[in-house]
Amino acid sequence: MPLAVEVYQRSTPLPYFLIEVTPGGGGRVLHVYADYLSDLMGVLARWMPTVQGAAITGFLENLHSGEMPGLAELARTWTAVTTVPNAHP
């Protein structure tokens, strides 16, 4: 279930930035405010690993479920090519 992060900026007054975090499967949208760019960067630095992990998990779930048949076939082919049976050092 991927997450989406969007950042909005306004010129005045504080806070200058609105960060909107939306769960991919629906649910409550989280709003976070940041006064300055340095504050925004701090929030994003803390959130991005979570967002990235959720995006990868969602991608792998879709790949596994067959919702991406072309990519699933590519992954099987790549695995078959890169796996060396009975390899000994």
N, C-alpha and C. Protein backbone atom coordinates (compact mmCIF):
# COMPACT_ATOMS: atom_id res chain seq x y z
N MET A 1 0.84 -1.16 0.00
CA MET A 1 0.00 0.00 0.00
C MET A 1 0.89 1.24 0.00
N PRO A 2 1.19 1.78 -1.17
CA PRO A 2 2.09 2.93 -1.28
C PRO A 2 1.49 4.18 -0.62
N LEU A 3 2.37 5.05 -0.26
CA LEU A 3 1.99 6.35 0.26
C LEU A 3 2.33 7.40 -0.79
N ALA A 4 1.60 8.50 -0.77
CA ALA A 4 1.92 9.62 -1.64
C ALA A 4 2.24 10.82 -0.77
N VAL A 5 3.28 11.55 -1.16
CA VAL A 5 3.67 12.76 -0.43
C VAL A 5 3.66 13.92 -1.43
N GLU A 6 2.92 14.96 -1.09
CA GLU A 6 2.89 16.17 -1.92
C GLU A 6 3.25 17.35 -1.04
N VAL A 7 4.00 18.29 -1.62
CA VAL A 7 4.42 19.49 -0.90
C VAL A 7 3.85 20.70 -1.62
N TYR A 8 3.23 21.57 -0.84
CA TYR A 8 2.68 22.82 -1.37
C TYR A 8 3.39 23.98 -0.68
N GLN A 9 3.57 25.06 -1.44
CA GLN A 9 4.26 26.23 -0.92
C GLN A 9 3.39 27.47 -1.13
N ARG A 10 3.45 28.35 -0.17
CA ARG A 10 2.80 29.67 -0.34
C ARG A 10 3.79 30.74 0.04
N SER A 11 3.55 31.94 -0.40
CA SER A 11 4.53 33.00 -0.19
C SER A 11 4.40 33.68 1.17
N THR A 12 3.23 33.71 1.74
CA THR A 12 3.05 34.35 3.04
C THR A 12 1.70 33.96 3.61
N PRO A 13 1.44 33.98 4.81
CA PRO A 13 2.29 34.04 6.01
C PRO A 13 2.77 32.64 6.38
N LEU A 14 3.52 32.58 7.50
CA LEU A 14 3.99 31.28 7.99
C LEU A 14 2.80 30.40 8.35
N PRO A 15 2.87 29.13 8.19
CA PRO A 15 3.96 28.33 7.64
C PRO A 15 3.95 28.41 6.11
N TYR A 16 5.14 28.35 5.54
CA TYR A 16 5.28 28.45 4.09
C TYR A 16 4.97 27.14 3.38
N PHE A 17 5.10 26.01 4.06
CA PHE A 17 4.96 24.71 3.39
C PHE A 17 3.89 23.85 4.05
N LEU A 18 3.14 23.15 3.21
CA LEU A 18 2.19 22.13 3.63
C LEU A 18 2.64 20.82 3.01
N ILE A 19 2.80 19.82 3.84
CA ILE A 19 3.16 18.48 3.36
C ILE A 19 1.93 17.61 3.57
N GLU A 20 1.46 17.00 2.49
CA GLU A 20 0.27 16.16 2.55
C GLU A 20 0.69 14.72 2.30
N VAL A 21 0.39 13.84 3.26
CA VAL A 21 0.74 12.42 3.15
C VAL A 21 -0.57 11.65 3.01
N THR A 22 -0.70 10.93 1.89
CA THR A 22 -1.93 10.20 1.58
C THR A 22 -1.63 8.71 1.49
N PRO A 23 -2.33 7.88 2.27
CA PRO A 23 -2.14 6.44 2.14
C PRO A 23 -2.70 5.96 0.80
N GLY A 24 -2.02 4.99 0.18
CA GLY A 24 -2.43 4.50 -1.12
C GLY A 24 -3.76 3.77 -1.11
N GLY A 25 -4.10 3.11 -0.03
CA GLY A 25 -5.35 2.35 0.03
C GLY A 25 -6.51 3.16 0.58
N GLY A 26 -6.38 4.45 0.62
CA GLY A 26 -7.41 5.30 1.20
C GLY A 26 -7.12 5.51 2.68
N GLY A 27 -7.99 6.18 3.33
CA GLY A 27 -7.78 6.43 4.75
C GLY A 27 -7.54 7.90 5.01
N ARG A 28 -7.12 8.18 6.22
CA ARG A 28 -6.96 9.56 6.66
C ARG A 28 -5.72 10.21 6.04
N VAL A 29 -5.91 11.38 5.50
CA VAL A 29 -4.81 12.16 4.94
C VAL A 29 -4.15 12.93 6.08
N LEU A 30 -2.82 12.88 6.13
CA LEU A 30 -2.08 13.56 7.18
C LEU A 30 -1.51 14.86 6.62
N HIS A 31 -1.72 15.96 7.34
CA HIS A 31 -1.17 17.25 6.94
C HIS A 31 -0.10 17.67 7.96
N VAL A 32 1.06 18.03 7.44
CA VAL A 32 2.16 18.49 8.27
C VAL A 32 2.59 19.85 7.73
N TYR A 33 2.83 20.78 8.62
CA TYR A 33 3.23 22.13 8.22
C TYR A 33 4.68 22.38 8.57
N ALA A 34 5.37 23.13 7.73
CA ALA A 34 6.76 23.49 7.97
C ALA A 34 6.92 24.98 7.71
N ASP A 35 7.54 25.67 8.65
CA ASP A 35 7.69 27.12 8.51
C ASP A 35 8.68 27.49 7.41
N TYR A 36 9.82 26.83 7.39
CA TYR A 36 10.89 27.21 6.46
C TYR A 36 11.39 26.00 5.69
N LEU A 37 12.17 26.25 4.65
CA LEU A 37 12.71 25.17 3.82
C LEU A 37 13.51 24.18 4.64
N SER A 38 14.29 24.66 5.59
CA SER A 38 15.08 23.75 6.42
C SER A 38 14.17 22.82 7.24
N ASP A 39 13.04 23.33 7.70
CA ASP A 39 12.06 22.50 8.41
C ASP A 39 11.46 21.46 7.48
N LEU A 40 11.13 21.89 6.27
CA LEU A 40 10.58 20.98 5.26
C LEU A 40 11.56 19.85 4.97
N MET A 41 12.82 20.19 4.78
CA MET A 41 13.83 19.18 4.47
C MET A 41 13.98 18.17 5.62
N GLY A 42 13.88 18.65 6.84
CA GLY A 42 13.95 17.77 8.00
C GLY A 42 12.79 16.79 8.03
N VAL A 43 11.59 17.28 7.77
CA VAL A 43 10.41 16.41 7.74
C VAL A 43 10.55 15.38 6.62
N LEU A 44 10.93 15.82 5.43
CA LEU A 44 11.08 14.90 4.31
C LEU A 44 12.16 13.86 4.57
N ALA A 45 13.24 14.26 5.21
CA ALA A 45 14.31 13.31 5.52
C ALA A 45 13.80 12.22 6.45
N ARG A 46 12.90 12.56 7.35
CA ARG A 46 12.34 11.56 8.26
C ARG A 46 11.28 10.69 7.58
N TRP A 47 10.50 11.25 6.64
CA TRP A 47 9.40 10.53 6.01
C TRP A 47 9.82 9.71 4.79
N MET A 48 10.80 10.14 4.05
CA MET A 48 11.11 9.49 2.78
C MET A 48 11.46 8.00 2.90
N PRO A 49 12.21 7.56 3.90
CA PRO A 49 12.45 6.11 3.99
C PRO A 49 11.14 5.30 4.12
N THR A 50 10.18 5.84 4.85
CA THR A 50 8.89 5.17 5.01
C THR A 50 8.13 5.15 3.69
N VAL A 51 8.11 6.28 3.01
CA VAL A 51 7.40 6.37 1.73
C VAL A 51 8.06 5.45 0.71
N GLN A 52 9.37 5.46 0.66
CA GLN A 52 10.09 4.61 -0.29
C GLN A 52 9.84 3.13 0.01
N GLY A 53 9.89 2.76 1.27
CA GLY A 53 9.64 1.37 1.64
C GLY A 53 8.23 0.94 1.28
N ALA A 54 7.25 1.80 1.50
CA ALA A 54 5.87 1.48 1.15
C ALA A 54 5.70 1.36 -0.35
N ALA A 55 6.36 2.21 -1.11
CA ALA A 55 6.27 2.15 -2.57
C ALA A 55 6.86 0.85 -3.10
N ILE A 56 7.99 0.44 -2.56
CA ILE A 56 8.62 -0.81 -2.99
C ILE A 56 7.75 -2.00 -2.62
N THR A 57 7.17 -1.97 -1.41
CA THR A 57 6.28 -3.05 -0.98
C THR A 57 5.08 -3.15 -1.90
N GLY A 58 4.47 -2.01 -2.23
CA GLY A 58 3.33 -2.00 -3.14
C GLY A 58 3.70 -2.53 -4.51
N PHE A 59 4.85 -2.14 -5.01
CA PHE A 59 5.32 -2.61 -6.31
C PHE A 59 5.49 -4.13 -6.29
N LEU A 60 6.13 -4.65 -5.25
CA LEU A 60 6.37 -6.09 -5.16
C LEU A 60 5.07 -6.87 -5.00
N GLU A 61 4.11 -6.31 -4.27
CA GLU A 61 2.80 -6.97 -4.14
C GLU A 61 2.11 -7.04 -5.50
N ASN A 62 2.14 -5.97 -6.26
CA ASN A 62 1.55 -5.97 -7.60
C ASN A 62 2.27 -6.94 -8.52
N LEU A 63 3.56 -6.99 -8.41
CA LEU A 63 4.35 -7.90 -9.24
C LEU A 63 4.00 -9.34 -8.91
N HIS A 64 3.92 -9.65 -7.63
CA HIS A 64 3.62 -11.01 -7.18
C HIS A 64 2.20 -11.42 -7.53
N SER A 65 1.25 -10.50 -7.46
CA SER A 65 -0.16 -10.83 -7.71
C SER A 65 -0.48 -10.98 -9.19
N GLY A 66 0.45 -10.65 -10.05
CA GLY A 66 0.20 -10.79 -11.48
C GLY A 66 -0.41 -9.57 -12.11
N GLU A 67 -0.54 -8.48 -11.37
CA GLU A 67 -1.10 -7.26 -11.93
C GLU A 67 -0.15 -6.59 -12.91
N MET A 68 1.10 -7.03 -12.92
CA MET A 68 2.11 -6.51 -13.84
C MET A 68 2.72 -7.70 -14.58
N PRO A 69 1.97 -8.34 -15.48
CA PRO A 69 2.47 -9.57 -16.09
C PRO A 69 3.77 -9.41 -16.85
N GLY A 70 3.97 -8.30 -17.54
CA GLY A 70 5.22 -8.09 -18.28
C GLY A 70 6.41 -8.01 -17.36
N LEU A 71 6.26 -7.29 -16.25
CA LEU A 71 7.36 -7.17 -15.30
C LEU A 71 7.59 -8.48 -14.56
N ALA A 72 6.52 -9.22 -14.28
CA ALA A 72 6.68 -10.51 -13.60
C ALA A 72 7.47 -11.47 -14.49
N GLU A 73 7.17 -11.47 -15.77
CA GLU A 73 7.92 -12.34 -16.69
C GLU A 73 9.37 -11.90 -16.80
N LEU A 74 9.59 -10.60 -16.84
CA LEU A 74 10.95 -10.08 -16.88
C LEU A 74 11.72 -10.50 -15.63
N ALA A 75 11.08 -10.42 -14.46
CA ALA A 75 11.74 -10.81 -13.22
C ALA A 75 12.07 -12.30 -13.23
N ARG A 76 11.17 -13.13 -13.72
CA ARG A 76 11.43 -14.58 -13.80
C ARG A 76 12.58 -14.87 -14.75
N THR A 77 12.60 -14.20 -15.88
CA THR A 77 13.66 -14.40 -16.87
C THR A 77 15.00 -13.95 -16.29
N TRP A 78 15.02 -12.79 -15.66
CA TRP A 78 16.26 -12.29 -15.09
C TRP A 78 16.77 -13.21 -14.00
N THR A 79 15.85 -13.73 -13.17
CA THR A 79 16.25 -14.66 -12.11
C THR A 79 16.83 -15.93 -12.71
N ALA A 80 16.20 -16.43 -13.76
CA ALA A 80 16.69 -17.66 -14.39
C ALA A 80 18.07 -17.44 -15.00
N VAL A 81 18.31 -16.30 -15.57
CA VAL A 81 19.59 -16.01 -16.21
C VAL A 81 20.69 -15.80 -15.17
N THR A 82 20.35 -15.18 -14.06
CA THR A 82 21.39 -14.84 -13.08
C THR A 82 21.61 -15.93 -12.04
N THR A 83 20.81 -16.99 -12.04
CA THR A 83 20.98 -18.08 -11.08
C THR A 83 21.86 -19.16 -11.73
N VAL A 84 22.91 -19.50 -11.05
CA VAL A 84 23.84 -20.52 -11.56
C VAL A 84 23.63 -21.78 -10.75
N PRO A 85 23.03 -22.83 -11.37
CA PRO A 85 22.78 -24.05 -10.61
C PRO A 85 24.09 -24.79 -10.29
N ASN A 86 24.14 -25.40 -9.15
CA ASN A 86 25.28 -26.21 -8.72
C ASN A 86 26.61 -25.47 -8.80
N ALA A 87 26.59 -24.21 -8.49
CA ALA A 87 27.82 -23.42 -8.51
C ALA A 87 28.63 -23.71 -7.25
N HIS A 88 29.90 -24.03 -7.45
CA HIS A 88 30.81 -24.30 -6.32
C HIS A 88 32.02 -23.41 -6.46
N PRO A 89 32.54 -22.91 -5.33
CA PRO A 89 33.71 -22.04 -5.42
C PRO A 89 34.95 -22.78 -5.82
